[in-house]
Every structure is written in structure tokens, then in C-alpha cells.
Amino acid sequence: MTGYEIVERALVLLNYTTPLGDTDNGLNAEHLRRGLTILNTVLADLLNIAGAKLCELKDLQEEVPLEENVANLAAVPGVAMYLAQSENDGDSFNRWSDIYVQRRRMAAQKHGTVRDTVPWPIG
């Protein structure tokens, strides 16, 4: 998933779209400029949680170094939260910040495999 796809999904979720529901690069040029900085902020947070090496995107067309499910689960709401904050959109910021905190917590959980074991009496 590219950075552009994440920022575009966040813009749609925030309803920062044309009347037809499309994102318009002309109308959203400022959002896209801010989107790279915002995405790098969210990326640093999520990579830190995962214990991965921190990196910074130079362009929105670059692939995001997150697993697809983490990008969908937490990165999109995180970008939406910071975009709403940058627009002074308090209602959207509150909604997306609650969602981001929950999803961030879910992304931080380590999902492992548990083997089936039968308790065996000792002795």
C-alpha cells in the first residue's frame, strides 16, 4: 500500500471530497502536502510499536513499510485523526482519535500460535 492510498482513504473517511465523493487533487492539494508529514508521524509511531527500524517516506508514492493489515487497521485512522486536527475539525478529530487509540492498541498486540497441549500428570 502506498502513502498516497492511505492519505486518500483518510480524506474519503473524513468526507473531505467533492460532491460526488471523489478526492480532487486540486481541492486537496494542501491536504496532500500535509499528508506526507502526517503519514511519517503515524508511521514512526506504528513502527516503534512493532519494534521495527524507523524510516521516513520521501514521497507519497512510496510503499509504506507496514503489513497490509496494520496499514488498514491503524495507519488510515491515524492519518485521518491528524488531518482533522490540522483542519480544526474537532468532532472528526475526537472520533478518529478514539478509533486510532483502539486500533493502535490492537496493532501492538503480538499474535502468536498456541500449540494444543494436554496436561499430563507429573509422577
PDB file of N, CA and C in Angstrom:
ATOM      1  N   MET A   1       0.852  -1.168   0.000  1.00  0.00           N
ATOM      2  CA  MET A   1       0.000   0.000   0.000  1.00  0.00           C
ATOM      3  C   MET A   1       0.906   1.243   0.000  1.00  0.00           C
ATOM      4  N   THR A   2       0.578   2.194  -0.830  1.00  0.00           N
ATOM      5  CA  THR A   2       1.393   3.412  -0.908  1.00  0.00           C
ATOM      6  C   THR A   2       0.889   4.457   0.082  1.00  0.00           C
ATOM      7  N   GLY A   3       1.729   5.433   0.338  1.00  0.00           N
ATOM      8  CA  GLY A   3       1.336   6.529   1.210  1.00  0.00           C
ATOM      9  C   GLY A   3       0.158   7.301   0.652  1.00  0.00           C
ATOM     10  N   TYR A   4       0.144   7.458  -0.665  1.00  0.00           N
ATOM     11  CA  TYR A   4      -0.961   8.175  -1.307  1.00  0.00           C
ATOM     12  C   TYR A   4      -2.289   7.465  -1.053  1.00  0.00           C
ATOM     13  N   GLU A   5      -2.300   6.140  -1.140  1.00  0.00           N
ATOM     14  CA  GLU A   5      -3.536   5.384  -0.909  1.00  0.00           C
ATOM     15  C   GLU A   5      -4.039   5.576   0.516  1.00  0.00           C
ATOM     16  N   ILE A   6      -3.126   5.608   1.483  1.00  0.00           N
ATOM     17  CA  ILE A   6      -3.525   5.802   2.882  1.00  0.00           C
ATOM     18  C   ILE A   6      -4.104   7.200   3.085  1.00  0.00           C
ATOM     19  N   VAL A   7      -3.428   8.216   2.561  1.00  0.00           N
ATOM     20  CA  VAL A   7      -3.920   9.597   2.728  1.00  0.00           C
ATOM     21  C   VAL A   7      -5.253   9.771   2.004  1.00  0.00           C
ATOM     22  N   GLU A   8      -5.379   9.190   0.820  1.00  0.00           N
ATOM     23  CA  GLU A   8      -6.625   9.305   0.068  1.00  0.00           C
ATOM     24  C   GLU A   8      -7.780   8.641   0.813  1.00  0.00           C
ATOM     25  N   ARG A   9      -7.544   7.467   1.392  1.00  0.00           N
ATOM     26  CA  ARG A   9      -8.604   6.792   2.166  1.00  0.00           C
ATOM     27  C   ARG A   9      -9.003   7.625   3.379  1.00  0.00           C
ATOM     28  N   ALA A  10      -8.014   8.259   4.023  1.00  0.00           N
ATOM     29  CA  ALA A  10      -8.321   9.111   5.174  1.00  0.00           C
ATOM     30  C   ALA A  10      -9.173  10.306   4.753  1.00  0.00           C
ATOM     31  N   LEU A  11      -8.854  10.905   3.607  1.00  0.00           N
ATOM     32  CA  LEU A  11      -9.645  12.041   3.117  1.00  0.00           C
ATOM     33  C   LEU A  11     -11.089  11.629   2.831  1.00  0.00           C
ATOM     34  N   VAL A  12     -11.273  10.448   2.269  1.00  0.00           N
ATOM     35  CA  VAL A  12     -12.631   9.953   1.988  1.00  0.00           C
ATOM     36  C   VAL A  12     -13.376   9.704   3.299  1.00  0.00           C
ATOM     37  N   LEU A  13     -12.699   9.081   4.268  1.00  0.00           N
ATOM     38  CA  LEU A  13     -13.345   8.815   5.554  1.00  0.00           C
ATOM     39  C   LEU A  13     -13.730  10.096   6.287  1.00  0.00           C
ATOM     40  N   LEU A  14     -12.945  11.145   6.099  1.00  0.00           N
ATOM     41  CA  LEU A  14     -13.259  12.434   6.713  1.00  0.00           C
ATOM     42  C   LEU A  14     -14.303  13.217   5.917  1.00  0.00           C
ATOM     43  N   ASN A  15     -14.654  12.710   4.748  1.00  0.00           N
ATOM     44  CA  ASN A  15     -15.597  13.368   3.850  1.00  0.00           C
ATOM     45  C   ASN A  15     -15.038  14.682   3.310  1.00  0.00           C
ATOM     46  N   TYR A  16     -13.728  14.749   3.141  1.00  0.00           N
ATOM     47  CA  TYR A  16     -13.088  15.898   2.510  1.00  0.00           C
ATOM     48  C   TYR A  16     -12.987  15.588   1.020  1.00  0.00           C
ATOM     49  N   THR A  17     -14.153  15.540   0.384  1.00  0.00           N
ATOM     50  CA  THR A  17     -14.250  15.106  -1.007  1.00  0.00           C
ATOM     51  C   THR A  17     -15.086  16.087  -1.814  1.00  0.00           C
ATOM     52  N   THR A  18     -15.170  15.820  -3.116  1.00  0.00           N
ATOM     53  CA  THR A  18     -16.057  16.585  -3.982  1.00  0.00           C
ATOM     54  C   THR A  18     -17.494  16.157  -3.695  1.00  0.00           C
ATOM     55  N   PRO A  19     -18.474  16.874  -4.223  1.00  0.00           N
ATOM     56  CA  PRO A  19     -19.874  16.469  -4.009  1.00  0.00           C
ATOM     57  C   PRO A  19     -20.182  15.057  -4.523  1.00  0.00           C
ATOM     58  N   LEU A  20     -19.381  14.556  -5.453  1.00  0.00           N
ATOM     59  CA  LEU A  20     -19.599  13.202  -5.969  1.00  0.00           C
ATOM     60  C   LEU A  20     -18.888  12.139  -5.137  1.00  0.00           C
ATOM     61  N   GLY A  21     -18.158  12.559  -4.101  1.00  0.00           N
ATOM     62  CA  GLY A  21     -17.471  11.608  -3.239  1.00  0.00           C
ATOM     63  C   GLY A  21     -16.066  11.247  -3.677  1.00  0.00           C
ATOM     64  N   ASP A  22     -15.552  11.920  -4.700  1.00  0.00           N
ATOM     65  CA  ASP A  22     -14.192  11.661  -5.179  1.00  0.00           C
ATOM     66  C   ASP A  22     -13.229  12.629  -4.512  1.00  0.00           C
ATOM     67  N   THR A  23     -11.990  12.179  -4.374  1.00  0.00           N
ATOM     68  CA  THR A  23     -10.980  13.127  -3.902  1.00  0.00           C
ATOM     69  C   THR A  23     -10.502  13.902  -5.117  1.00  0.00           C
ATOM     70  N   ASP A  24     -10.382  15.182  -4.952  1.00  0.00           N
ATOM     71  CA  ASP A  24      -9.954  16.059  -6.035  1.00  0.00           C
ATOM     72  C   ASP A  24      -8.589  16.615  -5.672  1.00  0.00           C
ATOM     73  N   ASN A  25      -7.578  16.253  -6.447  1.00  0.00           N
ATOM     74  CA  ASN A  25      -6.224  16.683  -6.126  1.00  0.00           C
ATOM     75  C   ASN A  25      -6.106  18.201  -6.094  1.00  0.00           C
ATOM     76  N   GLY A  26      -6.899  18.913  -6.879  1.00  0.00           N
ATOM     77  CA  GLY A  26      -6.864  20.368  -6.847  1.00  0.00           C
ATOM     78  C   GLY A  26      -7.387  20.917  -5.535  1.00  0.00           C
ATOM     79  N   LEU A  27      -8.505  20.351  -5.075  1.00  0.00           N
ATOM     80  CA  LEU A  27      -9.091  20.805  -3.812  1.00  0.00           C
ATOM     81  C   LEU A  27      -8.280  20.338  -2.617  1.00  0.00           C
ATOM     82  N   ASN A  28      -7.661  19.161  -2.736  1.00  0.00           N
ATOM     83  CA  ASN A  28      -6.964  18.557  -1.605  1.00  0.00           C
ATOM     84  C   ASN A  28      -5.452  18.706  -1.689  1.00  0.00           C
ATOM     85  N   ALA A  29      -4.956  19.636  -2.494  1.00  0.00           N
ATOM     86  CA  ALA A  29      -3.509  19.798  -2.648  1.00  0.00           C
ATOM     87  C   ALA A  29      -2.835  20.086  -1.312  1.00  0.00           C
ATOM     88  N   GLU A  30      -3.445  20.929  -0.518  1.00  0.00           N
ATOM     89  CA  GLU A  30      -2.859  21.239   0.793  1.00  0.00           C
ATOM     90  C   GLU A  30      -2.900  20.025   1.712  1.00  0.00           C
ATOM     91  N   HIS A  31      -3.988  19.264   1.664  1.00  0.00           N
ATOM     92  CA  HIS A  31      -4.072  18.034   2.466  1.00  0.00           C
ATOM     93  C   HIS A  31      -2.987  17.049   2.058  1.00  0.00           C
ATOM     94  N   LEU A  32      -2.745  16.940   0.769  1.00  0.00           N
ATOM     95  CA  LEU A  32      -1.717  16.012   0.295  1.00  0.00           C
ATOM     96  C   LEU A  32      -0.322  16.467   0.718  1.00  0.00           C
ATOM     97  N   ARG A  33      -0.090  17.773   0.724  1.00  0.00           N
ATOM     98  CA  ARG A  33       1.211  18.278   1.184  1.00  0.00           C
ATOM     99  C   ARG A  33       1.409  17.954   2.666  1.00  0.00           C
ATOM    100  N   ARG A  34       0.375  18.170   3.449  1.00  0.00           N
ATOM    101  CA  ARG A  34       0.453  17.841   4.876  1.00  0.00           C
ATOM    102  C   ARG A  34       0.449  16.339   5.100  1.00  0.00           C
ATOM    103  N   GLY A  35      -0.145  15.618   4.161  1.00  0.00           N
ATOM    104  CA  GLY A  35      -0.292  14.169   4.312  1.00  0.00           C
ATOM    105  C   GLY A  35       1.021  13.434   4.487  1.00  0.00           C
ATOM    106  N   LEU A  36       2.062  13.866   3.804  1.00  0.00           N
ATOM    107  CA  LEU A  36       3.360  13.189   3.920  1.00  0.00           C
ATOM    108  C   LEU A  36       3.923  13.338   5.331  1.00  0.00           C
ATOM    109  N   THR A  37       3.859  14.536   5.880  1.00  0.00           N
ATOM    110  CA  THR A  37       4.355  14.759   7.242  1.00  0.00           C
ATOM    111  C   THR A  37       3.521  13.985   8.251  1.00  0.00           C
ATOM    112  N   ILE A  38       2.213  14.022   8.069  1.00  0.00           N
ATOM    113  CA  ILE A  38       1.308  13.305   8.975  1.00  0.00           C
ATOM    114  C   ILE A  38       1.542  11.806   8.885  1.00  0.00           C
ATOM    115  N   LEU A  39       1.672  11.294   7.667  1.00  0.00           N
ATOM    116  CA  LEU A  39       1.904   9.862   7.494  1.00  0.00           C
ATOM    117  C   LEU A  39       3.222   9.448   8.138  1.00  0.00           C
ATOM    118  N   ASN A  40       4.256  10.251   8.002  1.00  0.00           N
ATOM    119  CA  ASN A  40       5.534   9.922   8.637  1.00  0.00           C
ATOM    120  C   ASN A  40       5.416   9.918  10.161  1.00  0.00           C
ATOM    121  N   THR A  41       4.581  10.783  10.708  1.00  0.00           N
ATOM    122  CA  THR A  41       4.355  10.807  12.155  1.00  0.00           C
ATOM    123  C   THR A  41       3.682   9.519  12.614  1.00  0.00           C
ATOM    124  N   VAL A  42       2.629   9.122  11.905  1.00  0.00           N
ATOM    125  CA  VAL A  42       1.904   7.892  12.239  1.00  0.00           C
ATOM    126  C   VAL A  42       2.800   6.676  12.014  1.00  0.00           C
ATOM    127  N   LEU A  43       3.551   6.694  10.942  1.00  0.00           N
ATOM    128  CA  LEU A  43       4.452   5.600  10.615  1.00  0.00           C
ATOM    129  C   LEU A  43       5.503   5.401  11.708  1.00  0.00           C
ATOM    130  N   ALA A  44       6.078   6.489  12.198  1.00  0.00           N
ATOM    131  CA  ALA A  44       7.066   6.395  13.275  1.00  0.00           C
ATOM    132  C   ALA A  44       6.452   5.763  14.514  1.00  0.00           C
ATOM    133  N   ASP A  45       5.222   6.127  14.826  1.00  0.00           N
ATOM    134  CA  ASP A  45       4.532   5.569  15.984  1.00  0.00           C
ATOM    135  C   ASP A  45       4.302   4.069  15.811  1.00  0.00           C
ATOM    136  N   LEU A  46       3.762   3.668  14.659  1.00  0.00           N
ATOM    137  CA  LEU A  46       3.425   2.261  14.442  1.00  0.00           C
ATOM    138  C   LEU A  46       4.663   1.381  14.286  1.00  0.00           C
ATOM    139  N   LEU A  47       5.707   1.889  13.653  1.00  0.00           N
ATOM    140  CA  LEU A  47       6.940   1.106  13.528  1.00  0.00           C
ATOM    141  C   LEU A  47       7.616   0.955  14.881  1.00  0.00           C
ATOM    142  N   ASN A  48       7.544   1.974  15.714  1.00  0.00           N
ATOM    143  CA  ASN A  48       8.106   1.893  17.057  1.00  0.00           C
ATOM    144  C   ASN A  48       7.396   0.823  17.870  1.00  0.00           C
ATOM    145  N   ILE A  49       6.082   0.769  17.766  1.00  0.00           N
ATOM    146  CA  ILE A  49       5.308  -0.242  18.473  1.00  0.00           C
ATOM    147  C   ILE A  49       5.702  -1.646  18.006  1.00  0.00           C
ATOM    148  N   ALA A  50       5.893  -1.797  16.684  1.00  0.00           N
ATOM    149  CA  ALA A  50       6.236  -3.101  16.123  1.00  0.00           C
ATOM    150  C   ALA A  50       7.686  -3.482  16.386  1.00  0.00           C
ATOM    151  N   GLY A  51       8.482  -2.551  16.898  1.00  0.00           N
ATOM    152  CA  GLY A  51       9.885  -2.825  17.138  1.00  0.00           C
ATOM    153  C   GLY A  51      10.698  -2.868  15.860  1.00  0.00           C
ATOM    154  N   ALA A  52      10.170  -2.272  14.802  1.00  0.00           N
ATOM    155  CA  ALA A  52      10.851  -2.263  13.507  1.00  0.00           C
ATOM    156  C   ALA A  52      11.723  -1.020  13.390  1.00  0.00           C
ATOM    157  N   LYS A  53      12.608  -1.063  12.423  1.00  0.00           N
ATOM    158  CA  LYS A  53      13.502   0.066  12.175  1.00  0.00           C
ATOM    159  C   LYS A  53      12.684   1.250  11.654  1.00  0.00           C
ATOM    160  N   LEU A  54      12.907   2.422  12.249  1.00  0.00           N
ATOM    161  CA  LEU A  54      12.185   3.614  11.828  1.00  0.00           C
ATOM    162  C   LEU A  54      12.687   4.076  10.469  1.00  0.00           C
ATOM    163  N   CYS A  55      11.769   4.532   9.651  1.00  0.00           N
ATOM    164  CA  CYS A  55      12.135   5.082   8.350  1.00  0.00           C
ATOM    165  C   CYS A  55      11.171   6.213   8.027  1.00  0.00           C
ATOM    166  N   GLU A  56      11.557   7.012   7.067  1.00  0.00           N
ATOM    167  CA  GLU A  56      10.741   8.159   6.687  1.00  0.00           C
ATOM    168  C   GLU A  56      10.490   8.103   5.191  1.00  0.00           C
ATOM    169  N   LEU A  57       9.236   8.283   4.810  1.00  0.00           N
ATOM    170  CA  LEU A  57       8.899   8.320   3.391  1.00  0.00           C
ATOM    171  C   LEU A  57       9.302   9.676   2.825  1.00  0.00           C
ATOM    172  N   LYS A  58       9.826   9.668   1.630  1.00  0.00           N
ATOM    173  CA  LYS A  58      10.207  10.914   0.955  1.00  0.00           C
ATOM    174  C   LYS A  58       9.118  11.392   0.003  1.00  0.00           C
ATOM    175  N   ASP A  59       8.226  10.450  -0.379  1.00  0.00           N
ATOM    176  CA  ASP A  59       7.179  10.755  -1.355  1.00  0.00           C
ATOM    177  C   ASP A  59       5.969   9.884  -1.047  1.00  0.00           C
ATOM    178  N   LEU A  60       4.780  10.397  -1.316  1.00  0.00           N
ATOM    179  CA  LEU A  60       3.562   9.617  -1.055  1.00  0.00           C
ATOM    180  C   LEU A  60       3.414   8.410  -1.972  1.00  0.00           C
ATOM    181  N   GLN A  61       4.151   8.372  -3.062  1.00  0.00           N
ATOM    182  CA  GLN A  61       4.053   7.237  -3.985  1.00  0.00           C
ATOM    183  C   GLN A  61       4.852   6.019  -3.517  1.00  0.00           C
ATOM    184  N   GLU A  62       5.643   6.181  -2.463  1.00  0.00           N
ATOM    185  CA  GLU A  62       6.438   5.068  -1.933  1.00  0.00           C
ATOM    186  C   GLU A  62       5.547   4.078  -1.198  1.00  0.00           C
ATOM    187  N   GLU A  63       5.994   2.825  -1.182  1.00  0.00           N
ATOM    188  CA  GLU A  63       5.298   1.793  -0.414  1.00  0.00           C
ATOM    189  C   GLU A  63       5.528   2.035   1.075  1.00  0.00           C
ATOM    190  N   VAL A  64       4.486   1.850   1.852  1.00  0.00           N
ATOM    191  CA  VAL A  64       4.578   2.020   3.300  1.00  0.00           C
ATOM    192  C   VAL A  64       5.116   0.716   3.891  1.00  0.00           C
ATOM    193  N   PRO A  65       6.164   0.802   4.728  1.00  0.00           N
ATOM    194  CA  PRO A  65       6.762  -0.419   5.262  1.00  0.00           C
ATOM    195  C   PRO A  65       6.003  -1.015   6.446  1.00  0.00           C
ATOM    196  N   LEU A  66       4.708  -1.180   6.279  1.00  0.00           N
ATOM    197  CA  LEU A  66       3.861  -1.812   7.288  1.00  0.00           C
ATOM    198  C   LEU A  66       3.151  -2.993   6.643  1.00  0.00           C
ATOM    199  N   GLU A  67       2.801  -3.963   7.461  1.00  0.00           N
ATOM    200  CA  GLU A  67       1.969  -5.043   6.950  1.00  0.00           C
ATOM    201  C   GLU A  67       0.645  -4.444   6.485  1.00  0.00           C
ATOM    202  N   GLU A  68       0.058  -5.061   5.488  1.00  0.00           N
ATOM    203  CA  GLU A  68      -1.186  -4.536   4.895  1.00  0.00           C
ATOM    204  C   GLU A  68      -2.286  -4.363   5.939  1.00  0.00           C
ATOM    205  N   ASN A  69      -2.425  -5.350   6.835  1.00  0.00           N
ATOM    206  CA  ASN A  69      -3.494  -5.249   7.839  1.00  0.00           C
ATOM    207  C   ASN A  69      -3.239  -4.123   8.830  1.00  0.00           C
ATOM    208  N   VAL A  70      -1.981  -3.864   9.187  1.00  0.00           N
ATOM    209  CA  VAL A  70      -1.667  -2.764  10.113  1.00  0.00           C
ATOM    210  C   VAL A  70      -1.901  -1.420   9.420  1.00  0.00           C
ATOM    211  N   ALA A  71      -1.559  -1.342   8.137  1.00  0.00           N
ATOM    212  CA  ALA A  71      -1.790  -0.105   7.390  1.00  0.00           C
ATOM    213  C   ALA A  71      -3.285   0.206   7.345  1.00  0.00           C
ATOM    214  N   ASN A  72      -4.101  -0.802   7.073  1.00  0.00           N
ATOM    215  CA  ASN A  72      -5.549  -0.597   7.025  1.00  0.00           C
ATOM    216  C   ASN A  72      -6.133  -0.385   8.412  1.00  0.00           C
ATOM    217  N   LEU A  73      -5.635  -1.138   9.365  1.00  0.00           N
ATOM    218  CA  LEU A  73      -6.192  -1.118  10.715  1.00  0.00           C
ATOM    219  C   LEU A  73      -5.889   0.178  11.452  1.00  0.00           C
ATOM    220  N   ALA A  74      -4.646   0.624  11.405  1.00  0.00           N
ATOM    221  CA  ALA A  74      -4.249   1.739  12.260  1.00  0.00           C
ATOM    222  C   ALA A  74      -3.735   2.966  11.520  1.00  0.00           C
ATOM    223  N   ALA A  75      -3.033   2.787  10.403  1.00  0.00           N
ATOM    224  CA  ALA A  75      -2.432   3.949   9.733  1.00  0.00           C
ATOM    225  C   ALA A  75      -3.495   4.883   9.167  1.00  0.00           C
ATOM    226  N   VAL A  76      -4.533   4.335   8.557  1.00  0.00           N
ATOM    227  CA  VAL A  76      -5.574   5.182   7.964  1.00  0.00           C
ATOM    228  C   VAL A  76      -6.285   6.010   9.038  1.00  0.00           C
ATOM    229  N   PRO A  77      -6.735   5.403  10.145  1.00  0.00           N
ATOM    230  CA  PRO A  77      -7.344   6.234  11.188  1.00  0.00           C
ATOM    231  C   PRO A  77      -6.381   7.246  11.803  1.00  0.00           C
ATOM    232  N   GLY A  78      -5.108   6.888  11.910  1.00  0.00           N
ATOM    233  CA  GLY A  78      -4.126   7.825  12.449  1.00  0.00           C
ATOM    234  C   GLY A  78      -3.958   9.048  11.563  1.00  0.00           C
ATOM    235  N   VAL A  79      -3.872   8.814  10.261  1.00  0.00           N
ATOM    236  CA  VAL A  79      -3.755   9.927   9.318  1.00  0.00           C
ATOM    237  C   VAL A  79      -5.038  10.760   9.339  1.00  0.00           C
ATOM    238  N   ALA A  80      -6.190  10.107   9.405  1.00  0.00           N
ATOM    239  CA  ALA A  80      -7.464  10.832   9.470  1.00  0.00           C
ATOM    240  C   ALA A  80      -7.520  11.711  10.727  1.00  0.00           C
ATOM    241  N   MET A  81      -7.047  11.179  11.842  1.00  0.00           N
ATOM    242  CA  MET A  81      -7.058  11.935  13.090  1.00  0.00           C
ATOM    243  C   MET A  81      -6.223  13.220  12.968  1.00  0.00           C
ATOM    244  N   TYR A  82      -4.983  13.075  12.475  1.00  0.00           N
ATOM    245  CA  TYR A  82      -4.107  14.246  12.369  1.00  0.00           C
ATOM    246  C   TYR A  82      -4.581  15.223  11.294  1.00  0.00           C
ATOM    247  N   LEU A  83      -5.163  14.731  10.202  1.00  0.00           N
ATOM    248  CA  LEU A  83      -5.712  15.640   9.187  1.00  0.00           C
ATOM    249  C   LEU A  83      -6.866  16.450   9.764  1.00  0.00           C
ATOM    250  N   ALA A  84      -7.741  15.787  10.526  1.00  0.00           N
ATOM    251  CA  ALA A  84      -8.863  16.501  11.148  1.00  0.00           C
ATOM    252  C   ALA A  84      -8.350  17.546  12.132  1.00  0.00           C
ATOM    253  N   GLN A  85      -7.308  17.216  12.884  1.00  0.00           N
ATOM    254  CA  GLN A  85      -6.733  18.175  13.817  1.00  0.00           C
ATOM    255  C   GLN A  85      -6.160  19.378  13.070  1.00  0.00           C
ATOM    256  N   SER A  86      -5.509  19.123  11.938  1.00  0.00           N
ATOM    257  CA  SER A  86      -4.912  20.228  11.182  1.00  0.00           C
ATOM    258  C   SER A  86      -5.967  21.136  10.562  1.00  0.00           C
ATOM    259  N   GLU A  87      -7.179  20.624  10.406  1.00  0.00           N
ATOM    260  CA  GLU A  87      -8.288  21.414   9.866  1.00  0.00           C
ATOM    261  C   GLU A  87      -9.155  22.027  10.959  1.00  0.00           C
ATOM    262  N   ASN A  88      -8.775  21.853  12.221  1.00  0.00           N
ATOM    263  CA  ASN A  88      -9.580  22.309  13.355  1.00  0.00           C
ATOM    264  C   ASN A  88     -10.993  21.731  13.318  1.00  0.00           C
ATOM    265  N   ASP A  89     -11.087  20.493  12.888  1.00  0.00           N
ATOM    266  CA  ASP A  89     -12.359  19.768  12.808  1.00  0.00           C
ATOM    267  C   ASP A  89     -12.480  18.919  14.076  1.00  0.00           C
ATOM    268  N   GLY A  90     -12.957  19.553  15.143  1.00  0.00           N
ATOM    269  CA  GLY A  90     -12.971  18.925  16.456  1.00  0.00           C
ATOM    270  C   GLY A  90     -13.757  17.638  16.547  1.00  0.00           C
ATOM    271  N   ASP A  91     -14.950  17.594  15.934  1.00  0.00           N
ATOM    272  CA  ASP A  91     -15.771  16.389  16.009  1.00  0.00           C
ATOM    273  C   ASP A  91     -15.078  15.209  15.334  1.00  0.00           C
ATOM    274  N   SER A  92     -14.556  15.445  14.145  1.00  0.00           N
ATOM    275  CA  SER A  92     -13.854  14.365  13.436  1.00  0.00           C
ATOM    276  C   SER A  92     -12.589  13.968  14.170  1.00  0.00           C
ATOM    277  N   PHE A  93     -11.878  14.956  14.726  1.00  0.00           N
ATOM    278  CA  PHE A  93     -10.659  14.633  15.465  1.00  0.00           C
ATOM    279  C   PHE A  93     -10.974  13.728  16.642  1.00  0.00           C
ATOM    280  N   ASN A  94     -12.015  14.056  17.414  1.00  0.00           N
ATOM    281  CA  ASN A  94     -12.372  13.231  18.573  1.00  0.00           C
ATOM    282  C   ASN A  94     -12.746  11.817  18.157  1.00  0.00           C
ATOM    283  N   ARG A  95     -13.547  11.698  17.105  1.00  0.00           N
ATOM    284  CA  ARG A  95     -13.970  10.381  16.632  1.00  0.00           C
ATOM    285  C   ARG A  95     -12.773   9.547  16.181  1.00  0.00           C
ATOM    286  N   TRP A  96     -11.918  10.139  15.332  1.00  0.00           N
ATOM    287  CA  TRP A  96     -10.793   9.374  14.776  1.00  0.00           C
ATOM    288  C   TRP A  96      -9.693   9.160  15.791  1.00  0.00           C
ATOM    289  N   SER A  97      -9.577  10.028  16.780  1.00  0.00           N
ATOM    290  CA  SER A  97      -8.563   9.779  17.805  1.00  0.00           C
ATOM    291  C   SER A  97      -8.965   8.591  18.668  1.00  0.00           C
ATOM    292  N   ASP A  98     -10.254   8.463  18.983  1.00  0.00           N
ATOM    293  CA  ASP A  98     -10.724   7.277  19.718  1.00  0.00           C
ATOM    294  C   ASP A  98     -10.470   6.003  18.913  1.00  0.00           C
ATOM    295  N   ILE A  99     -10.785   6.051  17.640  1.00  0.00           N
ATOM    296  CA  ILE A  99     -10.584   4.879  16.781  1.00  0.00           C
ATOM    297  C   ILE A  99      -9.099   4.543  16.665  1.00  0.00           C
ATOM    298  N   TYR A 100      -8.259   5.569  16.480  1.00  0.00           N
ATOM    299  CA  TYR A 100      -6.823   5.330  16.332  1.00  0.00           C
ATOM    300  C   TYR A 100      -6.229   4.703  17.587  1.00  0.00           C
ATOM    301  N   VAL A 101      -6.625   5.190  18.752  1.00  0.00           N
ATOM    302  CA  VAL A 101      -6.093   4.637  20.002  1.00  0.00           C
ATOM    303  C   VAL A 101      -6.469   3.162  20.124  1.00  0.00           C
ATOM    304  N   GLN A 102      -7.712   2.820  19.807  1.00  0.00           N
ATOM    305  CA  GLN A 102      -8.147   1.421  19.878  1.00  0.00           C
ATOM    306  C   GLN A 102      -7.396   0.557  18.867  1.00  0.00           C
ATOM    307  N   ARG A 103      -7.292   1.029  17.647  1.00  0.00           N
ATOM    308  CA  ARG A 103      -6.644   0.244  16.593  1.00  0.00           C
ATOM    309  C   ARG A 103      -5.137   0.141  16.831  1.00  0.00           C
ATOM    310  N   ARG A 104      -4.554   1.201  17.361  1.00  0.00           N
ATOM    311  CA  ARG A 104      -3.122   1.189  17.675  1.00  0.00           C
ATOM    312  C   ARG A 104      -2.845   0.116  18.721  1.00  0.00           C
ATOM    313  N   ARG A 105      -3.726   0.024  19.702  1.00  0.00           N
ATOM    314  CA  ARG A 105      -3.596  -0.993  20.740  1.00  0.00           C
ATOM    315  C   ARG A 105      -3.708  -2.387  20.132  1.00  0.00           C
ATOM    316  N   MET A 106      -4.632  -2.560  19.190  1.00  0.00           N
ATOM    317  CA  MET A 106      -4.786  -3.858  18.528  1.00  0.00           C
ATOM    318  C   MET A 106      -3.550  -4.205  17.705  1.00  0.00           C
ATOM    319  N   ALA A 107      -2.981  -3.212  17.036  1.00  0.00           N
ATOM    320  CA  ALA A 107      -1.794  -3.456  16.209  1.00  0.00           C
ATOM    321  C   ALA A 107      -0.593  -3.801  17.079  1.00  0.00           C
ATOM    322  N   ALA A 108      -0.583  -3.329  18.321  1.00  0.00           N
ATOM    323  CA  ALA A 108       0.551  -3.578  19.210  1.00  0.00           C
ATOM    324  C   ALA A 108       0.547  -4.987  19.785  1.00  0.00           C
ATOM    325  N   GLN A 109      -0.613  -5.634  19.771  1.00  0.00           N
ATOM    326  CA  GLN A 109      -0.693  -6.975  20.340  1.00  0.00           C
ATOM    327  C   GLN A 109       0.036  -7.964  19.448  1.00  0.00           C
ATOM    328  N   LYS A 110       0.803  -8.809  20.079  1.00  0.00           N
ATOM    329  CA  LYS A 110       1.515  -9.849  19.353  1.00  0.00           C
ATOM    330  C   LYS A 110       0.585 -11.048  19.202  1.00  0.00           C
ATOM    331  N   HIS A 111       0.404 -11.444  17.968  1.00  0.00           N
ATOM    332  CA  HIS A 111      -0.443 -12.602  17.701  1.00  0.00           C
ATOM    333  C   HIS A 111       0.465 -13.785  17.408  1.00  0.00           C
ATOM    334  N   GLY A 112       0.439 -14.732  18.294  1.00  0.00           N
ATOM    335  CA  GLY A 112       1.276 -15.918  18.125  1.00  0.00           C
ATOM    336  C   GLY A 112       0.413 -17.152  17.960  1.00  0.00           C
ATOM    337  N   THR A 113       1.056 -18.257  17.928  1.00  0.00           N
ATOM    338  CA  THR A 113       0.354 -19.523  17.794  1.00  0.00           C
ATOM    339  C   THR A 113       0.498 -20.286  19.096  1.00  0.00           C
ATOM    340  N   VAL A 114      -0.589 -20.823  19.546  1.00  0.00           N
ATOM    341  CA  VAL A 114      -0.567 -21.643  20.750  1.00  0.00           C
ATOM    342  C   VAL A 114      -0.761 -23.085  20.321  1.00  0.00           C
ATOM    343  N   ARG A 115       0.162 -23.925  20.747  1.00  0.00           N
ATOM    344  CA  ARG A 115       0.038 -25.346  20.411  1.00  0.00           C
ATOM    345  C   ARG A 115      -0.967 -25.987  21.347  1.00  0.00           C
ATOM    346  N   ASP A 116      -1.694 -26.947  20.812  1.00  0.00           N
ATOM    347  CA  ASP A 116      -2.586 -27.725  21.666  1.00  0.00           C
ATOM    348  C   ASP A 116      -1.732 -28.620  22.563  1.00  0.00           C
ATOM    349  N   THR A 117      -2.007 -28.557  23.836  1.00  0.00           N
ATOM    350  CA  THR A 117      -1.292 -29.414  24.763  1.00  0.00           C
ATOM    351  C   THR A 117      -2.289 -30.043  25.700  1.00  0.00           C
ATOM    352  N   VAL A 118      -1.981 -31.233  26.090  1.00  0.00           N
ATOM    353  CA  VAL A 118      -2.830 -31.944  27.052  1.00  0.00           C
ATOM    354  C   VAL A 118      -2.068 -31.970  28.363  1.00  0.00           C
ATOM    355  N   PRO A 119      -2.684 -31.512  29.434  1.00  0.00           N
ATOM    356  CA  PRO A 119      -1.974 -31.575  30.725  1.00  0.00           C
ATOM    357  C   PRO A 119      -1.687 -33.021  31.098  1.00  0.00           C
ATOM    358  N   TRP A 120      -0.505 -33.273  31.529  1.00  0.00           N
ATOM    359  CA  TRP A 120      -0.107 -34.625  31.884  1.00  0.00           C
ATOM    360  C   TRP A 120       0.289 -34.640  33.341  1.00  0.00           C
ATOM    361  N   PRO A 121      -0.292 -35.535  34.067  1.00  0.00           N
ATOM    362  CA  PRO A 121       0.041 -35.550  35.499  1.00  0.00           C
ATOM    363  C   PRO A 121       1.523 -35.915  35.695  1.00  0.00           C
ATOM    364  N   ILE A 122       2.120 -35.216  36.601  1.00  0.00           N
ATOM    365  CA  ILE A 122       3.522 -35.487  36.915  1.00  0.00           C
ATOM    366  C   ILE A 122       3.579 -36.552  37.992  1.00  0.00           C
ATOM    367  N   GLY A 123       4.391 -37.561  37.761  1.00  0.00           N
ATOM    368  CA  GLY A 123       4.657 -38.603  38.756  1.00  0.00           C
ATOM    369  C   GLY A 123       3.686 -39.658  38.759  1.00  0.00           C
TER     370      GLY A 123
END
